[in-house]
Amino acid sequence: MPVMSSIDATTTAVALPAELVEAARDAVAHGHAADVPAYVASAVRDKLEIDQLGDLIDALLTFAAGIEPGFPGRSAGGRLSGGAGR
């Protein structure tokens, strides 16, 4: 995992449930990240990648099905309706 330098980092405050904070601290203690901010940054990066892949899959399924944007079978957000949310 790449280490963030202070030059490319932005500080933000995020409220998390206590059990997630404790789990992140435990993960750091077991060597999964250098510190809690690095662990959280990695989790956010992973979530963004999953969302982007989901968007790509939606676009590919739409293309393969020949469904035009705005087709009644699509939700307002552009995703195919009827699927589980992310």
C-alpha atoms as a PDB file:
ATOM      1  CA  MET A   1       0.000   0.000   0.000  1.00  0.00           C
ATOM      2  CA  PRO A   2       1.449   3.406  -0.921  1.00  0.00           C
ATOM      3  CA  VAL A   3       2.321   5.720   1.917  1.00  0.00           C
ATOM      4  CA  MET A   4       0.701   9.172   1.708  1.00  0.00           C
ATOM      5  CA  SER A   5       2.931  12.161   2.161  1.00  0.00           C
ATOM      6  CA  SER A   6       1.747  15.211   4.058  1.00  0.00           C
ATOM      7  CA  ILE A   7       1.938  17.159   0.777  1.00  0.00           C
ATOM      8  CA  ASP A   8      -0.829  15.182  -0.951  1.00  0.00           C
ATOM      9  CA  ALA A   9      -3.060  14.603   2.085  1.00  0.00           C
ATOM     10  CA  THR A  10      -6.114  16.593   3.129  1.00  0.00           C
ATOM     11  CA  THR A  11      -7.407  16.459   6.678  1.00  0.00           C
ATOM     12  CA  THR A  12     -11.085  15.789   7.281  1.00  0.00           C
ATOM     13  CA  ALA A  13     -13.130  14.683  10.265  1.00  0.00           C
ATOM     14  CA  VAL A  14     -15.378  11.659   9.965  1.00  0.00           C
ATOM     15  CA  ALA A  15     -17.685  10.260  12.641  1.00  0.00           C
ATOM     16  CA  LEU A  16     -17.527   6.468  12.766  1.00  0.00           C
ATOM     17  CA  PRO A  17     -19.217   3.929  15.009  1.00  0.00           C
ATOM     18  CA  ALA A  18     -16.962   2.953  17.912  1.00  0.00           C
ATOM     19  CA  GLU A  19     -16.726  -0.656  16.749  1.00  0.00           C
ATOM     20  CA  LEU A  20     -15.319   0.443  13.361  1.00  0.00           C
ATOM     21  CA  VAL A  21     -12.715   2.647  15.029  1.00  0.00           C
ATOM     22  CA  GLU A  22     -11.696  -0.216  17.313  1.00  0.00           C
ATOM     23  CA  ALA A  23     -11.534  -2.616  14.354  1.00  0.00           C
ATOM     24  CA  ALA A  24      -9.353  -0.144  12.433  1.00  0.00           C
ATOM     25  CA  ARG A  25      -7.042   0.220  15.431  1.00  0.00           C
ATOM     26  CA  ASP A  26      -6.810  -3.564  15.717  1.00  0.00           C
ATOM     27  CA  ALA A  27      -6.000  -3.827  12.005  1.00  0.00           C
ATOM     28  CA  VAL A  28      -3.198  -1.275  12.445  1.00  0.00           C
ATOM     29  CA  ALA A  29      -1.912  -3.177  15.492  1.00  0.00           C
ATOM     30  CA  HIS A  30      -1.751  -6.316  13.329  1.00  0.00           C
ATOM     31  CA  GLY A  31       0.270  -4.506  10.664  1.00  0.00           C
ATOM     32  CA  HIS A  32      -2.426  -4.017   8.017  1.00  0.00           C
ATOM     33  CA  ALA A  33      -1.634  -0.282   7.730  1.00  0.00           C
ATOM     34  CA  ALA A  34       0.821   2.229   9.126  1.00  0.00           C
ATOM     35  CA  ASP A  35      -1.871   4.076  11.081  1.00  0.00           C
ATOM     36  CA  VAL A  36      -5.644   4.536  11.290  1.00  0.00           C
ATOM     37  CA  PRO A  37      -5.777   7.381   8.705  1.00  0.00           C
ATOM     38  CA  ALA A  38      -3.881   5.184   6.216  1.00  0.00           C
ATOM     39  CA  TYR A  39      -6.275   2.305   6.945  1.00  0.00           C
ATOM     40  CA  VAL A  40      -9.332   4.520   6.388  1.00  0.00           C
ATOM     41  CA  ALA A  41      -7.819   6.001   3.206  1.00  0.00           C
ATOM     42  CA  SER A  42      -7.274   2.480   1.890  1.00  0.00           C
ATOM     43  CA  ALA A  43     -10.890   1.547   2.679  1.00  0.00           C
ATOM     44  CA  VAL A  44     -12.214   4.654   0.908  1.00  0.00           C
ATOM     45  CA  ARG A  45      -9.971   3.936  -2.094  1.00  0.00           C
ATOM     46  CA  ASP A  46     -11.282   0.351  -2.232  1.00  0.00           C
ATOM     47  CA  LYS A  47     -14.911   1.547  -2.031  1.00  0.00           C
ATOM     48  CA  LEU A  48     -14.350   4.056  -4.838  1.00  0.00           C
ATOM     49  CA  GLU A  49     -12.852   1.319  -7.008  1.00  0.00           C
ATOM     50  CA  ILE A  50     -15.815  -0.984  -6.322  1.00  0.00           C
ATOM     51  CA  ASP A  51     -18.262   1.819  -7.200  1.00  0.00           C
ATOM     52  CA  GLN A  52     -16.389   2.594 -10.431  1.00  0.00           C
ATOM     53  CA  LEU A  53     -16.374  -1.077 -11.389  1.00  0.00           C
ATOM     54  CA  GLY A  54     -20.103  -1.249 -10.656  1.00  0.00           C
ATOM     55  CA  ASP A  55     -20.691   1.735 -12.916  1.00  0.00           C
ATOM     56  CA  LEU A  56     -18.648   0.061 -15.672  1.00  0.00           C
ATOM     57  CA  ILE A  57     -20.616  -3.184 -15.290  1.00  0.00           C
ATOM     58  CA  ASP A  58     -23.895  -1.246 -15.478  1.00  0.00           C
ATOM     59  CA  ALA A  59     -22.710   0.503 -18.648  1.00  0.00           C
ATOM     60  CA  LEU A  60     -21.591  -2.777 -20.223  1.00  0.00           C
ATOM     61  CA  LEU A  61     -24.868  -4.510 -19.351  1.00  0.00           C
ATOM     62  CA  THR A  62     -26.806  -1.573 -20.751  1.00  0.00           C
ATOM     63  CA  PHE A  63     -24.753  -1.624 -23.945  1.00  0.00           C
ATOM     64  CA  ALA A  64     -25.089  -5.416 -24.301  1.00  0.00           C
ATOM     65  CA  ALA A  65     -28.860  -5.255 -23.755  1.00  0.00           C
ATOM     66  CA  GLY A  66     -29.263  -2.354 -26.154  1.00  0.00           C
ATOM     67  CA  ILE A  67     -31.042  -0.311 -23.504  1.00  0.00           C
ATOM     68  CA  GLU A  68     -30.952   3.414 -24.128  1.00  0.00           C
ATOM     69  CA  PRO A  69     -30.388   5.822 -21.229  1.00  0.00           C
ATOM     70  CA  GLY A  70     -33.761   6.867 -19.834  1.00  0.00           C
ATOM     71  CA  PHE A  71     -35.355   3.541 -20.795  1.00  0.00           C
ATOM     72  CA  PRO A  72     -38.211   2.687 -18.374  1.00  0.00           C
ATOM     73  CA  GLY A  73     -36.232  -0.294 -17.020  1.00  0.00           C
ATOM     74  CA  ARG A  74     -33.557   2.033 -15.654  1.00  0.00           C
ATOM     75  CA  SER A  75     -33.604   3.879 -12.357  1.00  0.00           C
ATOM     76  CA  ALA A  76     -33.233   7.652 -12.104  1.00  0.00           C
ATOM     77  CA  GLY A  77     -29.565   7.209 -11.154  1.00  0.00           C
ATOM     78  CA  GLY A  78     -28.876   5.331 -14.374  1.00  0.00           C
ATOM     79  CA  ARG A  79     -28.535   1.896 -12.820  1.00  0.00           C
ATOM     80  CA  LEU A  80     -30.646  -0.974 -14.017  1.00  0.00           C
ATOM     81  CA  SER A  81     -33.647  -1.171 -11.730  1.00  0.00           C
ATOM     82  CA  GLY A  82     -34.318  -4.245  -9.679  1.00  0.00           C
ATOM     83  CA  GLY A  83     -30.715  -4.773  -8.537  1.00  0.00           C
ATOM     84  CA  ALA A  84     -29.299  -4.483  -5.082  1.00  0.00           C
ATOM     85  CA  GLY A  85     -27.831  -1.107  -4.155  1.00  0.00           C
ATOM     86  CA  ARG A  86     -24.183  -0.564  -3.402  1.00  0.00           C
END
